[in-house]
Amino acid sequence: MNDQSLLLMKTRLEVVDFKTIEPFLQKFDRFLTLRTFIRGYTLGTADEQIWTVLRLNKVALGLIRRAIFPNLTRWFSHIECTYPDLRPAAGELVSATNTDATANQTRSRYNIKLQATENGVVTRFPPEPSDYFEKVYDLCCQLISDGNAYAEDTDSKIQEDNRRDRLPSKRRDRPASESLAIFKEMREGTEFGKGHCIRARIAFDSSNGSMRDPIIYRFPSWDVEDGPRPRHRTGWDGNIYPTYDFACPLVDSIEGVTHALRTTEYSDRNEQYYWFLRALKLRPVYLWDFARINFIKTFLSKRKLTKVAESGRVDDWDDPRMPTIRGILRRGLTVAALRKFMLKQGPSRNVVSMDWTTLWAMNKKIIEPIAPRHTAVASVGCVLATVAGGPDHPRQDSRPKHPKNHSLGTKDVTFGNQIYIEQADAAAFQQGEEITLMSWGNALVRQVTRSDDQAVTGLHLELHLDGDASKTDKKVHWLAAHGAEIARTELWEFDYLLTKDSLVKGDKLDHYLNPVTSWLTDILVGSEFGQLLEGDIIQIERKGYFRMDKSIGQGPSSKAVLFKIPTGNNKG
């Protein structure tokens, strides 16, 4: 067992899911059939490392104690009895892990002992095989020539049955020259070629399903209604596609990746990944598995997201309702919050379903101290109020943009004897009560005029600047009706795309798509909004935090467009 195989084995044996770890324990059991130690005839570092990994894995340890795998149990018990010094060391690891968790449950452990980091680490985004189609094609030809792949024309249902029953294909022993000729016809798109695929000749009877002669080249499954379509980037050249599992290790090695980070859902394909690299004698790449983060009321399947994007339910991939990086940044998430959130998750392999509120609460802590405060009034039903004691000629005074962060500067607030107040606030006023006009002072409600349906149509207020704001129950925002230019702005709020926390196998996406995921409020804003640019984040008093998606003059009917930013205690 070389160093690369040892690393792979350690990674697999750390898994705590029974169904996932069982085939790996079974394979290790077979490996130990005629061995007392992993390497040589004495206890080595490999034995110590694997034994400790198993000792710390409760699922694996339970299977070993029950002697489900006799050779593994023999090896484990022999080391446990013969080398008792290993037990305290493993116990200390368990204790340290528990202590860390108790001391700070949110702190992630980054001491992961990553292999082969002496010369630096190169990771990657998911590979883009289309940049290397010609090279991947040549490598497939090499694989066929070396006897490690063959052309297959067996019916797909029979292929599926054979793989399940661990039976060889009738084409498995097809000569390399014949398979190469067929592969050429596949590329040329002949009718004969279209009836074939290329399969790797690995191990049809393997306990690992991904090793049972997987398909590595094929024609795409065209949508019958749409018909064949050229590739997005390379047009019709080639006709055939390499499978993702085949292209990944090749492209990683070619591009100089040292450590490929993949979610745990691919862990059963790690053995296959390494096989392709060895079979083609390519530079080795280390794999590191990490847990995929799922969010409630969210689906991350590219196929499902494409369906939603193409259906018109969202505007595009950067729509603020989409769970894409572009989407959530457009909604108002800061890069700093995203980075902090990801670092907090750490290199965990535990699959979790997160609540979006955690991420948005982090974001709020970052934007709250730096978001300037502004005022806006909902335009529908807003009430024009007369303020006795207010200046007959509008005047402007400076107010801080943020009450606790004066480095943000000041803004001009216009005062006059006529102001706009929102219908919801005005409807709650009682004649004779004292209220507080934010950033101005107290006022007495002298008269409330209502329509037949009880909507407020007029207000008469009287300034009472000597009043104590701490003693009033109602503190309302307002906007001067004259003295400064007032603009109309669109304010958008969004909800989750799904009505269900998570989709399970058999769920139909259309049945759980939220029918209403956005709300529009038309608001009136002051002249200071003309200085805001796309991407600016602000707080509107009593309404929340917003990101400027389009500045004044850029949106529909020259309006500005604001997107509400969740704060951890509101929707989506």
Protein backbone atom coordinates (compact mmCIF):
# COMPACT_ATOMS: atom_id res chain seq x y z
CA MET A 1 0.00 0.00 0.00
CA ASN A 2 1.73 3.20 -1.19
CA ASP A 3 1.34 6.64 0.41
CA GLN A 4 -1.45 7.67 -1.96
CA SER A 5 -3.42 4.49 -1.30
CA LEU A 6 -2.87 4.94 2.43
CA LEU A 7 -4.25 8.49 2.31
CA LEU A 8 -7.25 7.28 0.35
CA MET A 9 -7.88 4.47 2.84
CA LYS A 10 -7.64 6.84 5.82
CA THR A 11 -10.11 9.23 4.21
CA ARG A 12 -12.62 6.46 3.55
CA LEU A 13 -12.36 4.98 7.03
CA GLU A 14 -13.17 8.34 8.67
CA VAL A 15 -16.71 8.20 7.27
CA VAL A 16 -19.31 7.57 10.00
CA ASP A 17 -22.14 6.44 7.73
CA PHE A 18 -22.61 2.65 7.76
CA LYS A 19 -23.64 2.26 4.11
CA THR A 20 -20.71 4.36 2.94
CA ILE A 21 -17.98 2.81 5.09
CA GLU A 22 -19.02 -0.85 4.79
CA PRO A 23 -17.51 -1.54 1.33
CA PHE A 24 -14.25 0.14 2.36
CA LEU A 25 -14.00 -1.99 5.52
CA GLN A 26 -14.74 -5.03 3.37
CA LYS A 27 -11.95 -4.14 0.96
CA PHE A 28 -9.49 -3.52 3.82
CA ASP A 29 -10.52 -6.87 5.31
CA ARG A 30 -9.59 -8.62 2.05
CA PHE A 31 -6.29 -6.75 1.94
CA LEU A 32 -5.41 -8.10 5.41
CA THR A 33 -6.21 -11.74 4.55
CA LEU A 34 -2.56 -12.88 4.53
CA ARG A 35 -1.05 -9.94 6.40
CA THR A 36 -0.21 -9.24 10.01
CA PHE A 37 0.77 -5.63 9.28
CA ILE A 38 -0.05 -3.25 6.45
CA ARG A 39 3.56 -2.96 5.33
CA GLY A 40 6.30 -5.46 6.04
CA TYR A 41 6.56 -7.63 9.14
CA THR A 42 6.55 -5.10 11.98
CA LEU A 43 4.26 -2.37 13.23
CA GLY A 44 4.65 0.73 11.07
CA THR A 45 3.33 4.24 10.76
CA ALA A 46 0.62 3.04 8.38
CA ASP A 47 -0.70 0.58 11.00
CA GLU A 48 -0.68 3.25 13.70
CA GLN A 49 -2.53 5.77 11.54
CA ILE A 50 -5.22 3.39 10.27
CA TRP A 51 -5.69 1.79 13.70
CA THR A 52 -6.18 5.23 15.30
CA VAL A 53 -8.66 6.29 12.61
CA LEU A 54 -10.71 3.14 13.23
CA ARG A 55 -10.44 3.54 17.02
CA LEU A 56 -11.96 7.03 16.72
CA ASN A 57 -14.76 5.92 14.38
CA LYS A 58 -17.67 4.60 16.47
CA VAL A 59 -19.40 3.00 13.49
CA ALA A 60 -16.27 1.16 12.35
CA LEU A 61 -15.33 0.18 15.89
CA GLY A 62 -18.74 -1.38 16.47
CA LEU A 63 -18.40 -3.54 13.35
CA ILE A 64 -14.89 -4.59 14.36
CA ARG A 65 -15.99 -5.61 17.87
CA ARG A 66 -18.77 -7.74 16.36
CA ALA A 67 -16.22 -9.51 14.12
CA ILE A 68 -18.18 -8.72 10.95
CA PHE A 69 -14.83 -8.59 9.13
CA PRO A 70 -12.64 -11.37 10.60
CA ASN A 71 -9.28 -10.33 9.14
CA LEU A 72 -9.81 -6.73 10.15
CA THR A 73 -10.87 -7.77 13.66
CA ARG A 74 -7.79 -9.99 13.95
CA TRP A 75 -5.45 -7.19 12.83
CA PHE A 76 -7.12 -4.59 15.06
CA SER A 77 -7.15 -6.82 18.17
CA HIS A 78 -3.54 -7.89 17.62
CA ILE A 79 -2.33 -4.29 17.59
CA GLU A 80 -4.58 -3.37 20.51
CA CYS A 81 -3.20 -6.19 22.69
CA THR A 82 0.42 -6.16 21.54
CA TYR A 83 0.94 -2.41 21.49
CA PRO A 84 -1.06 -1.03 24.45
CA ASP A 85 0.76 2.31 24.22
CA LEU A 86 -1.42 3.18 21.22
CA ARG A 87 -4.62 3.13 23.27
CA PRO A 88 -3.84 6.15 25.50
CA ALA A 89 -2.78 8.16 22.42
CA ALA A 90 -6.08 7.43 20.71
CA GLY A 91 -7.92 8.18 23.94
CA GLU A 92 -6.21 11.56 24.16
CA LEU A 93 -7.40 12.37 20.65
CA VAL A 94 -10.98 11.53 21.64
CA SER A 95 -10.67 13.61 24.80
CA ALA A 96 -9.14 16.54 22.93
CA THR A 97 -11.92 16.43 20.37
CA ASN A 98 -14.59 16.43 23.07
CA THR A 99 -12.86 19.24 24.95
CA ASP A 100 -12.65 21.39 21.84
CA ALA A 101 -16.33 20.83 21.11
CA THR A 102 -17.35 21.69 24.66
CA ALA A 103 -15.15 24.78 24.86
CA ASN A 104 -16.41 26.21 21.61
CA GLN A 105 -18.96 24.32 19.56
CA THR A 106 -18.75 26.78 16.70
CA ARG A 107 -14.97 26.61 16.29
CA SER A 108 -13.91 24.47 13.35
CA ARG A 109 -10.77 22.38 13.51
CA TYR A 110 -8.35 23.13 10.72
CA ASN A 111 -5.56 20.81 11.78
CA ILE A 112 -6.40 18.35 9.01
CA LYS A 113 -2.83 17.22 8.26
CA LEU A 114 -3.15 17.73 4.53
CA GLN A 115 -0.73 15.57 2.56
CA ALA A 116 2.02 16.78 0.21
CA THR A 117 1.90 20.50 0.98
CA GLU A 118 5.67 21.08 1.01
CA ASN A 119 5.71 22.77 -2.39
CA GLY A 120 2.43 24.60 -2.02
CA VAL A 121 -1.20 23.77 -2.67
CA VAL A 122 -3.20 24.30 -5.86
CA THR A 123 -6.96 23.76 -5.60
CA ARG A 124 -9.62 24.45 -8.20
CA PHE A 125 -13.15 25.18 -9.14
CA PRO A 126 -15.01 22.26 -10.76
CA PRO A 127 -13.01 21.35 -13.90
CA GLU A 128 -13.93 22.71 -17.32
CA PRO A 129 -13.26 19.76 -19.68
CA SER A 130 -14.25 21.72 -22.80
CA ASP A 131 -10.85 23.44 -22.69
CA TYR A 132 -9.19 20.04 -23.06
CA PHE A 133 -11.51 17.97 -25.28
CA GLU A 134 -8.72 17.08 -27.73
CA LYS A 135 -6.34 16.05 -24.95
CA VAL A 136 -9.02 14.02 -23.16
CA TYR A 137 -9.88 12.32 -26.47
CA ASP A 138 -6.22 11.36 -26.96
CA LEU A 139 -6.01 9.99 -23.42
CA CYS A 140 -9.10 7.87 -24.04
CA CYS A 141 -7.41 6.46 -27.14
CA GLN A 142 -4.39 5.65 -24.97
CA LEU A 143 -6.63 3.94 -22.42
CA ILE A 144 -8.17 1.79 -25.17
CA SER A 145 -4.77 1.00 -26.71
CA ASP A 146 -3.46 -0.14 -23.31
CA GLY A 147 -6.38 -2.54 -22.95
CA ASN A 148 -8.00 -0.49 -20.20
CA ALA A 149 -11.17 0.52 -22.10
CA TYR A 150 -13.45 -0.92 -24.76
CA ALA A 151 -16.31 0.04 -27.09
CA GLU A 152 -19.74 -1.08 -25.88
CA ASP A 153 -23.01 -1.38 -27.79
CA THR A 154 -25.03 -3.44 -25.31
CA ASP A 155 -28.52 -2.10 -24.59
CA SER A 156 -28.43 0.41 -21.72
CA LYS A 157 -30.94 -1.60 -19.67
CA ILE A 158 -28.78 -4.72 -20.01
CA GLN A 159 -25.72 -2.68 -19.05
CA GLU A 160 -27.52 -1.49 -15.94
CA ASP A 161 -28.58 -5.02 -15.00
CA ASN A 162 -25.07 -6.40 -15.56
CA ARG A 163 -23.52 -3.71 -13.40
CA ARG A 164 -26.01 -4.37 -10.64
CA ASP A 165 -25.44 -8.14 -10.82
CA ARG A 166 -21.66 -7.72 -11.22
CA LEU A 167 -21.55 -9.50 -14.57
CA PRO A 168 -19.09 -8.76 -17.40
CA SER A 169 -20.23 -7.21 -20.66
CA LYS A 170 -20.19 -9.43 -23.73
CA ARG A 171 -17.98 -6.74 -25.33
CA ARG A 172 -15.46 -6.64 -22.48
CA ASP A 173 -12.85 -8.66 -24.41
CA ARG A 174 -13.23 -6.72 -27.63
CA PRO A 175 -9.77 -6.12 -29.23
CA ALA A 176 -8.25 -2.68 -28.74
CA SER A 177 -7.92 -2.11 -32.50
CA GLU A 178 -11.63 -2.73 -33.00
CA SER A 179 -12.59 -0.45 -30.11
CA LEU A 180 -10.33 2.31 -31.46
CA ALA A 181 -11.97 2.08 -34.88
CA ILE A 182 -15.42 2.32 -33.30
CA PHE A 183 -14.30 5.26 -31.14
CA LYS A 184 -13.27 7.06 -34.32
CA GLU A 185 -16.71 6.41 -35.83
CA MET A 186 -18.30 7.75 -32.66
CA ARG A 187 -16.39 10.98 -33.07
CA GLU A 188 -17.41 11.21 -36.72
CA GLY A 189 -21.04 10.76 -35.69
CA THR A 190 -21.83 7.80 -37.95
CA GLU A 191 -24.99 5.81 -37.31
CA PHE A 192 -22.86 2.82 -36.33
CA GLY A 193 -20.80 4.98 -33.98
CA LYS A 194 -23.89 6.47 -32.36
CA GLY A 195 -24.87 3.02 -31.15
CA HIS A 196 -21.79 2.78 -28.93
CA CYS A 197 -20.20 4.18 -25.80
CA ILE A 198 -16.72 3.65 -24.32
CA ARG A 199 -16.37 1.88 -20.97
CA ALA A 200 -13.28 1.63 -18.77
CA ARG A 201 -12.14 -1.94 -18.15
CA ILE A 202 -11.65 -1.85 -14.36
CA ALA A 203 -13.44 -4.50 -12.27
CA PHE A 204 -16.96 -5.56 -13.22
CA ASP A 205 -17.33 -7.51 -9.94
CA SER A 206 -16.09 -4.76 -7.60
CA SER A 207 -17.95 -4.07 -4.36
CA ASN A 208 -17.64 -0.41 -5.30
CA GLY A 209 -20.26 0.29 -7.96
CA SER A 210 -18.23 3.13 -9.50
CA MET A 211 -15.49 0.63 -10.40
CA ARG A 212 -17.74 -1.69 -12.44
CA ASP A 213 -16.52 -0.68 -15.89
CA PRO A 214 -17.98 2.86 -15.89
CA ILE A 215 -18.89 4.66 -19.12
CA ILE A 216 -16.24 7.25 -19.96
CA TYR A 217 -17.34 8.51 -23.41
CA ARG A 218 -20.79 8.69 -24.98
CA PHE A 219 -23.21 10.66 -27.06
CA PRO A 220 -25.30 13.15 -25.08
CA SER A 221 -28.88 12.21 -24.28
CA TRP A 222 -30.57 14.68 -26.59
CA ASP A 223 -33.97 16.01 -25.66
CA VAL A 224 -36.26 14.49 -28.31
CA GLU A 225 -38.30 17.69 -28.64
CA ASP A 226 -35.31 20.00 -29.01
CA GLY A 227 -33.21 17.69 -31.15
CA PRO A 228 -29.41 17.71 -31.26
CA ARG A 229 -27.71 20.95 -30.30
CA PRO A 230 -24.06 21.98 -30.72
CA ARG A 231 -21.86 22.39 -27.66
CA HIS A 232 -22.01 25.79 -26.05
CA ARG A 233 -18.31 26.48 -26.66
CA THR A 234 -16.99 24.03 -29.26
CA GLY A 235 -19.89 23.68 -31.68
CA TRP A 236 -20.34 20.38 -33.50
CA ASP A 237 -16.67 19.34 -33.38
CA GLY A 238 -16.34 15.90 -31.86
CA ASN A 239 -20.00 14.88 -31.44
CA ILE A 240 -19.19 12.93 -28.26
CA TYR A 241 -18.63 13.91 -24.65
CA PRO A 242 -16.30 12.52 -21.98
CA THR A 243 -18.17 11.76 -18.76
CA TYR A 244 -17.56 13.97 -15.76
CA ASP A 245 -15.98 11.13 -13.77
CA PHE A 246 -13.46 10.48 -16.56
CA ALA A 247 -12.63 14.11 -17.33
CA CYS A 248 -12.21 15.30 -13.71
CA PRO A 249 -8.97 13.51 -12.76
CA LEU A 250 -7.45 14.13 -16.19
CA VAL A 251 -8.12 17.86 -16.21
CA ASP A 252 -7.03 18.21 -12.56
CA SER A 253 -3.70 16.56 -13.32
CA ILE A 254 -3.15 18.50 -16.55
CA GLU A 255 -3.90 21.86 -14.92
CA GLY A 256 -1.47 21.31 -12.05
CA VAL A 257 -4.03 20.84 -9.28
CA THR A 258 -2.39 19.31 -6.20
CA HIS A 259 -5.47 18.84 -4.03
CA ALA A 260 -8.94 18.41 -5.51
CA LEU A 261 -11.66 19.38 -3.06
CA ARG A 262 -14.89 17.44 -3.57
CA THR A 263 -18.07 17.00 -1.60
CA THR A 264 -18.62 13.73 0.24
CA GLU A 265 -21.28 12.62 -2.26
CA TYR A 266 -18.37 11.73 -4.56
CA SER A 267 -16.40 9.76 -1.94
CA ASP A 268 -17.34 6.39 -3.45
CA ARG A 269 -15.79 7.61 -6.72
CA ASN A 270 -12.41 8.42 -5.17
CA GLU A 271 -11.10 4.94 -5.96
CA GLN A 272 -12.15 5.40 -9.57
CA TYR A 273 -10.50 8.86 -9.69
CA TYR A 274 -7.15 7.42 -8.60
CA TRP A 275 -7.49 4.47 -11.00
CA PHE A 276 -7.71 6.74 -14.04
CA LEU A 277 -4.59 8.65 -12.95
CA ARG A 278 -2.62 5.44 -12.45
CA ALA A 279 -3.85 3.79 -15.65
CA LEU A 280 -2.82 6.81 -17.73
CA LYS A 281 0.40 7.41 -15.74
CA LEU A 282 -0.61 10.99 -15.00
CA ARG A 283 0.71 13.17 -12.19
CA PRO A 284 -1.10 12.19 -8.97
CA VAL A 285 -3.66 14.50 -7.37
CA TYR A 286 -4.79 14.23 -3.75
CA LEU A 287 -8.49 14.26 -2.97
CA TRP A 288 -10.01 15.96 0.04
CA ASP A 289 -13.68 15.37 0.79
CA PHE A 290 -15.77 17.97 2.55
CA ALA A 291 -19.44 18.15 3.41
CA ARG A 292 -21.85 19.77 1.03
CA ILE A 293 -23.77 22.57 2.72
CA ASN A 294 -27.50 22.47 2.12
CA PHE A 295 -29.92 25.25 2.99
CA ILE A 296 -33.57 24.91 3.94
CA LYS A 297 -36.18 25.74 1.30
CA THR A 298 -33.39 25.68 -1.28
CA PHE A 299 -32.30 23.31 -4.04
CA LEU A 300 -28.76 23.35 -5.43
CA SER A 301 -29.19 20.96 -8.34
CA LYS A 302 -27.96 22.67 -11.51
CA ARG A 303 -30.64 20.85 -13.49
CA LYS A 304 -33.42 22.17 -11.25
CA LEU A 305 -31.95 25.67 -11.13
CA THR A 306 -31.72 25.71 -14.93
CA LYS A 307 -35.36 24.68 -15.16
CA VAL A 308 -36.41 27.52 -12.86
CA ALA A 309 -34.24 30.05 -14.70
CA GLU A 310 -35.56 29.02 -18.11
CA SER A 311 -39.19 28.91 -16.94
CA GLY A 312 -39.26 32.63 -16.20
CA ARG A 313 -39.93 32.23 -12.47
CA VAL A 314 -36.72 34.19 -11.92
CA ASP A 315 -35.08 36.74 -14.19
CA ASP A 316 -31.68 35.08 -14.57
CA TRP A 317 -28.94 33.22 -12.71
CA ASP A 318 -28.10 36.39 -10.77
CA ASP A 319 -31.69 36.88 -9.63
CA PRO A 320 -31.62 37.65 -5.87
CA ARG A 321 -33.84 34.62 -5.22
CA MET A 322 -31.32 32.23 -6.79
CA PRO A 323 -28.90 30.37 -4.48
CA THR A 324 -25.92 31.34 -6.63
CA ILE A 325 -22.96 33.48 -5.59
CA ARG A 326 -24.07 36.18 -8.00
CA GLY A 327 -27.63 35.93 -6.72
CA ILE A 328 -26.93 36.25 -3.00
CA LEU A 329 -24.35 39.01 -3.53
CA ARG A 330 -26.89 40.93 -5.60
CA ARG A 331 -29.38 40.52 -2.78
CA GLY A 332 -26.99 42.24 -0.41
CA LEU A 333 -24.70 39.62 1.09
CA THR A 334 -21.18 40.94 1.61
CA VAL A 335 -18.11 38.98 0.58
CA ALA A 336 -16.80 39.40 4.14
CA ALA A 337 -19.89 37.69 5.58
CA LEU A 338 -19.72 34.85 3.05
CA ARG A 339 -16.05 34.27 3.82
CA LYS A 340 -16.67 34.35 7.58
CA PHE A 341 -19.55 31.90 7.23
CA MET A 342 -17.51 29.43 5.17
CA LEU A 343 -14.53 29.59 7.53
CA LYS A 344 -16.87 28.88 10.42
CA GLN A 345 -18.05 25.69 8.72
CA GLY A 346 -14.47 24.44 8.51
CA PRO A 347 -13.31 21.24 6.78
CA SER A 348 -16.20 19.22 8.16
CA ARG A 349 -17.43 16.04 6.49
CA ASN A 350 -20.78 16.12 8.27
CA VAL A 351 -23.61 16.87 5.85
CA VAL A 352 -25.81 19.55 7.38
CA SER A 353 -28.88 21.52 6.38
CA MET A 354 -28.35 25.15 7.34
CA ASP A 355 -30.89 27.86 7.96
CA TRP A 356 -30.32 30.96 5.85
CA THR A 357 -30.90 33.09 8.94
CA THR A 358 -27.44 32.17 10.26
CA LEU A 359 -25.71 33.59 7.19
CA TRP A 360 -27.86 36.72 7.03
CA ALA A 361 -27.41 37.39 10.75
CA MET A 362 -23.63 37.37 10.20
CA ASN A 363 -24.11 39.76 7.30
CA LYS A 364 -26.15 42.15 9.45
CA LYS A 365 -23.33 42.42 12.00
CA ILE A 366 -21.03 43.56 9.20
CA ILE A 367 -23.34 46.08 7.51
CA GLU A 368 -25.06 47.54 10.60
CA PRO A 369 -22.12 49.77 11.66
CA ILE A 370 -21.45 51.06 8.13
CA ALA A 371 -24.87 51.39 6.49
CA PRO A 372 -25.98 55.06 6.35
CA ARG A 373 -29.53 55.80 7.51
CA HIS A 374 -32.10 57.23 5.15
CA THR A 375 -35.84 57.93 5.18
CA ALA A 376 -38.54 56.75 2.79
CA VAL A 377 -42.35 56.79 2.85
CA ALA A 378 -44.61 54.23 1.16
CA SER A 379 -46.36 56.17 -1.60
CA VAL A 380 -49.66 54.26 -1.66
CA GLY A 381 -52.11 56.03 0.65
CA CYS A 382 -49.50 58.36 2.13
CA VAL A 383 -51.00 61.29 4.02
CA LEU A 384 -50.09 64.94 3.53
CA ALA A 385 -49.91 66.36 7.07
CA THR A 386 -49.91 70.04 8.01
CA VAL A 387 -47.47 70.91 10.81
CA ALA A 388 -48.33 74.00 12.83
CA GLY A 389 -45.12 75.58 14.07
CA GLY A 390 -43.12 74.22 11.16
CA PRO A 391 -41.18 76.65 8.96
CA ASP A 392 -43.30 78.40 6.33
CA HIS A 393 -40.34 78.26 3.99
CA PRO A 394 -38.59 74.89 3.90
CA ARG A 395 -35.12 74.81 5.43
CA GLN A 396 -32.41 72.18 5.65
CA ASP A 397 -30.33 71.07 8.61
CA SER A 398 -27.53 68.51 8.81
CA ARG A 399 -28.00 65.20 10.55
CA PRO A 400 -25.48 62.34 10.94
CA LYS A 401 -25.90 59.51 8.43
CA HIS A 402 -25.32 57.05 11.27
CA PRO A 403 -25.97 57.83 14.95
CA LYS A 404 -22.96 55.78 16.11
CA ASN A 405 -20.57 56.13 13.16
CA HIS A 406 -19.92 59.79 12.48
CA SER A 407 -17.18 58.92 9.99
CA LEU A 408 -19.97 58.30 7.46
CA GLY A 409 -20.62 62.05 7.40
CA THR A 410 -23.87 63.98 7.42
CA LYS A 411 -26.98 64.33 5.28
CA ASP A 412 -29.33 67.25 4.71
CA VAL A 413 -32.82 66.87 6.19
CA THR A 414 -35.53 69.21 4.89
CA PHE A 415 -38.06 70.66 7.35
CA GLY A 416 -41.33 72.33 6.36
CA ASN A 417 -44.94 72.88 7.44
CA GLN A 418 -46.19 70.06 5.20
CA ILE A 419 -44.86 66.52 5.42
CA TYR A 420 -45.74 63.05 4.13
CA ILE A 421 -46.58 60.32 6.66
CA GLU A 422 -47.36 56.70 5.85
CA GLN A 423 -51.01 55.63 5.93
CA ALA A 424 -50.33 52.85 8.45
CA ASP A 425 -48.82 55.33 10.92
CA ALA A 426 -51.47 57.99 10.40
CA ALA A 427 -54.27 55.45 10.84
CA ALA A 428 -52.96 54.63 14.31
CA PHE A 429 -52.99 58.26 15.54
CA GLN A 430 -55.58 59.38 18.05
CA GLN A 431 -56.67 62.98 18.27
CA GLY A 432 -54.94 64.74 21.15
CA GLU A 433 -52.06 62.26 21.58
CA GLU A 434 -48.39 63.20 21.45
CA ILE A 435 -46.11 61.52 18.92
CA THR A 436 -42.45 61.85 17.92
CA LEU A 437 -41.35 62.91 14.44
CA MET A 438 -37.97 61.21 14.08
CA SER A 439 -34.99 63.57 13.59
CA TRP A 440 -37.23 66.55 14.49
CA GLY A 441 -39.09 66.32 17.79
CA ASN A 442 -42.50 65.79 19.36
CA ALA A 443 -45.82 66.90 17.91
CA LEU A 444 -49.44 66.90 19.07
CA VAL A 445 -52.15 65.33 16.90
CA ARG A 446 -54.78 68.06 16.62
CA GLN A 447 -57.05 66.63 13.92
CA VAL A 448 -57.42 63.36 11.99
CA THR A 449 -59.66 63.35 8.90
CA ARG A 450 -60.92 59.99 7.66
CA SER A 451 -62.86 58.78 4.64
CA ASP A 452 -65.93 56.56 4.78
CA ASP A 453 -63.72 53.46 4.75
CA GLN A 454 -61.70 54.90 7.68
CA ALA A 455 -58.59 55.65 5.62
CA VAL A 456 -56.85 58.81 6.82
CA THR A 457 -57.10 61.61 4.26
CA GLY A 458 -55.75 64.52 6.29
CA LEU A 459 -53.71 65.31 9.41
CA HIS A 460 -53.11 68.44 11.44
CA LEU A 461 -50.14 68.35 13.79
CA GLU A 462 -48.68 70.95 16.13
CA LEU A 463 -44.99 70.93 16.98
CA HIS A 464 -44.16 70.45 20.64
CA LEU A 465 -40.38 70.47 20.61
CA ASP A 466 -40.21 70.71 24.40
CA GLY A 467 -41.88 67.31 24.67
CA ASP A 468 -39.97 64.26 25.92
CA ALA A 469 -39.46 61.73 23.11
CA SER A 470 -38.84 58.95 25.62
CA LYS A 471 -42.44 59.23 26.83
CA THR A 472 -44.19 58.83 23.48
CA ASP A 473 -45.40 55.45 22.20
CA LYS A 474 -45.33 56.33 18.51
CA LYS A 475 -42.15 57.41 16.76
CA VAL A 476 -42.69 57.84 13.04
CA HIS A 477 -40.60 58.70 10.01
CA TRP A 478 -41.68 61.38 7.58
CA LEU A 479 -40.62 63.26 4.46
CA ALA A 480 -40.93 66.99 3.74
CA ALA A 481 -43.42 67.62 0.95
CA HIS A 482 -41.60 70.69 -0.36
CA GLY A 483 -38.11 72.16 -0.44
CA ALA A 484 -36.27 69.15 -1.86
CA GLU A 485 -36.78 66.95 -4.87
CA ILE A 486 -38.77 63.79 -4.14
CA ALA A 487 -38.26 60.70 -6.26
CA ARG A 488 -40.20 57.46 -6.57
CA THR A 489 -38.31 54.24 -5.95
CA GLU A 490 -39.11 50.53 -6.19
CA LEU A 491 -38.54 48.53 -3.02
CA TRP A 492 -38.45 44.75 -3.51
CA GLU A 493 -38.73 42.00 -0.91
CA PHE A 494 -38.17 38.31 -1.66
CA ASP A 495 -39.13 34.91 -0.26
CA TYR A 496 -37.81 31.36 -0.66
CA LEU A 497 -38.29 29.56 -3.98
CA LEU A 498 -39.52 26.42 -2.17
CA THR A 499 -42.41 25.90 0.21
CA LYS A 500 -40.79 22.77 1.67
CA ASP A 501 -37.63 22.66 3.80
CA SER A 502 -35.96 20.07 1.56
CA LEU A 503 -36.84 17.96 -1.44
CA VAL A 504 -36.54 14.20 -1.11
CA LYS A 505 -36.40 11.50 -3.74
CA GLY A 506 -39.70 11.33 -5.58
CA ASP A 507 -40.69 14.95 -4.91
CA LYS A 508 -41.69 16.86 -8.02
CA LEU A 509 -40.14 20.31 -8.11
CA ASP A 510 -43.21 21.98 -9.61
CA HIS A 511 -45.36 20.83 -6.68
CA TYR A 512 -43.23 22.69 -4.14
CA LEU A 513 -42.30 25.88 -5.95
CA ASN A 514 -43.49 28.94 -4.06
CA PRO A 515 -46.16 30.67 -6.19
CA VAL A 516 -45.30 34.15 -4.86
CA THR A 517 -41.67 34.97 -4.14
CA SER A 518 -41.48 38.76 -4.52
CA TRP A 519 -43.33 41.87 -3.37
CA LEU A 520 -43.06 45.40 -4.69
CA THR A 521 -43.61 48.55 -2.65
CA ASP A 522 -43.49 51.97 -4.27
CA ILE A 523 -41.81 54.51 -1.98
CA LEU A 524 -41.02 58.22 -1.93
CA VAL A 525 -37.42 59.17 -1.18
CA GLY A 526 -35.53 62.41 -0.66
CA SER A 527 -32.95 64.08 -2.86
CA GLU A 528 -30.04 62.40 -1.02
CA PHE A 529 -30.93 59.16 -2.84
CA GLY A 530 -29.61 60.75 -6.02
CA GLN A 531 -26.09 60.34 -4.62
CA LEU A 532 -26.42 56.58 -4.10
CA LEU A 533 -24.80 54.22 -6.58
CA GLU A 534 -25.51 50.66 -7.65
CA GLY A 535 -24.23 48.28 -4.98
CA ASP A 536 -24.53 50.74 -2.08
CA ILE A 537 -26.00 49.28 1.10
CA ILE A 538 -28.18 51.51 3.26
CA GLN A 539 -30.68 51.31 6.08
CA ILE A 540 -34.10 52.87 5.62
CA GLU A 541 -35.51 53.90 8.98
CA ARG A 542 -38.08 51.39 10.27
CA LYS A 543 -37.93 49.35 7.06
CA GLY A 544 -34.63 47.52 7.17
CA TYR A 545 -31.43 47.19 5.16
CA PHE A 546 -31.34 47.49 1.39
CA ARG A 547 -28.93 47.16 -1.50
CA MET A 548 -29.20 49.63 -4.36
CA ASP A 549 -29.66 47.46 -7.45
CA LYS A 550 -30.29 50.36 -9.81
CA SER A 551 -29.69 54.01 -9.00
CA ILE A 552 -32.14 56.80 -9.76
CA GLY A 553 -32.57 57.11 -13.51
CA GLN A 554 -31.49 53.52 -14.21
CA GLY A 555 -34.56 51.51 -13.18
CA PRO A 556 -38.07 51.19 -14.68
CA SER A 557 -39.52 54.64 -15.49
CA SER A 558 -36.19 56.11 -14.29
CA LYS A 559 -36.87 54.92 -10.75
CA ALA A 560 -34.23 53.56 -8.41
CA VAL A 561 -34.54 49.88 -7.43
CA LEU A 562 -33.79 48.63 -3.92
CA PHE A 563 -33.57 45.00 -2.76
CA LYS A 564 -34.32 44.24 0.88
CA ILE A 565 -31.50 42.42 2.67
CA PRO A 566 -32.55 39.67 5.11
CA THR A 567 -31.21 40.12 8.63
CA GLY A 568 -31.72 36.70 10.13
CA ASN A 569 -35.20 37.32 11.50
CA ASN A 570 -37.20 37.84 8.33
CA LYS A 571 -37.97 36.02 5.11
CA GLY A 572 -35.55 34.20 2.82
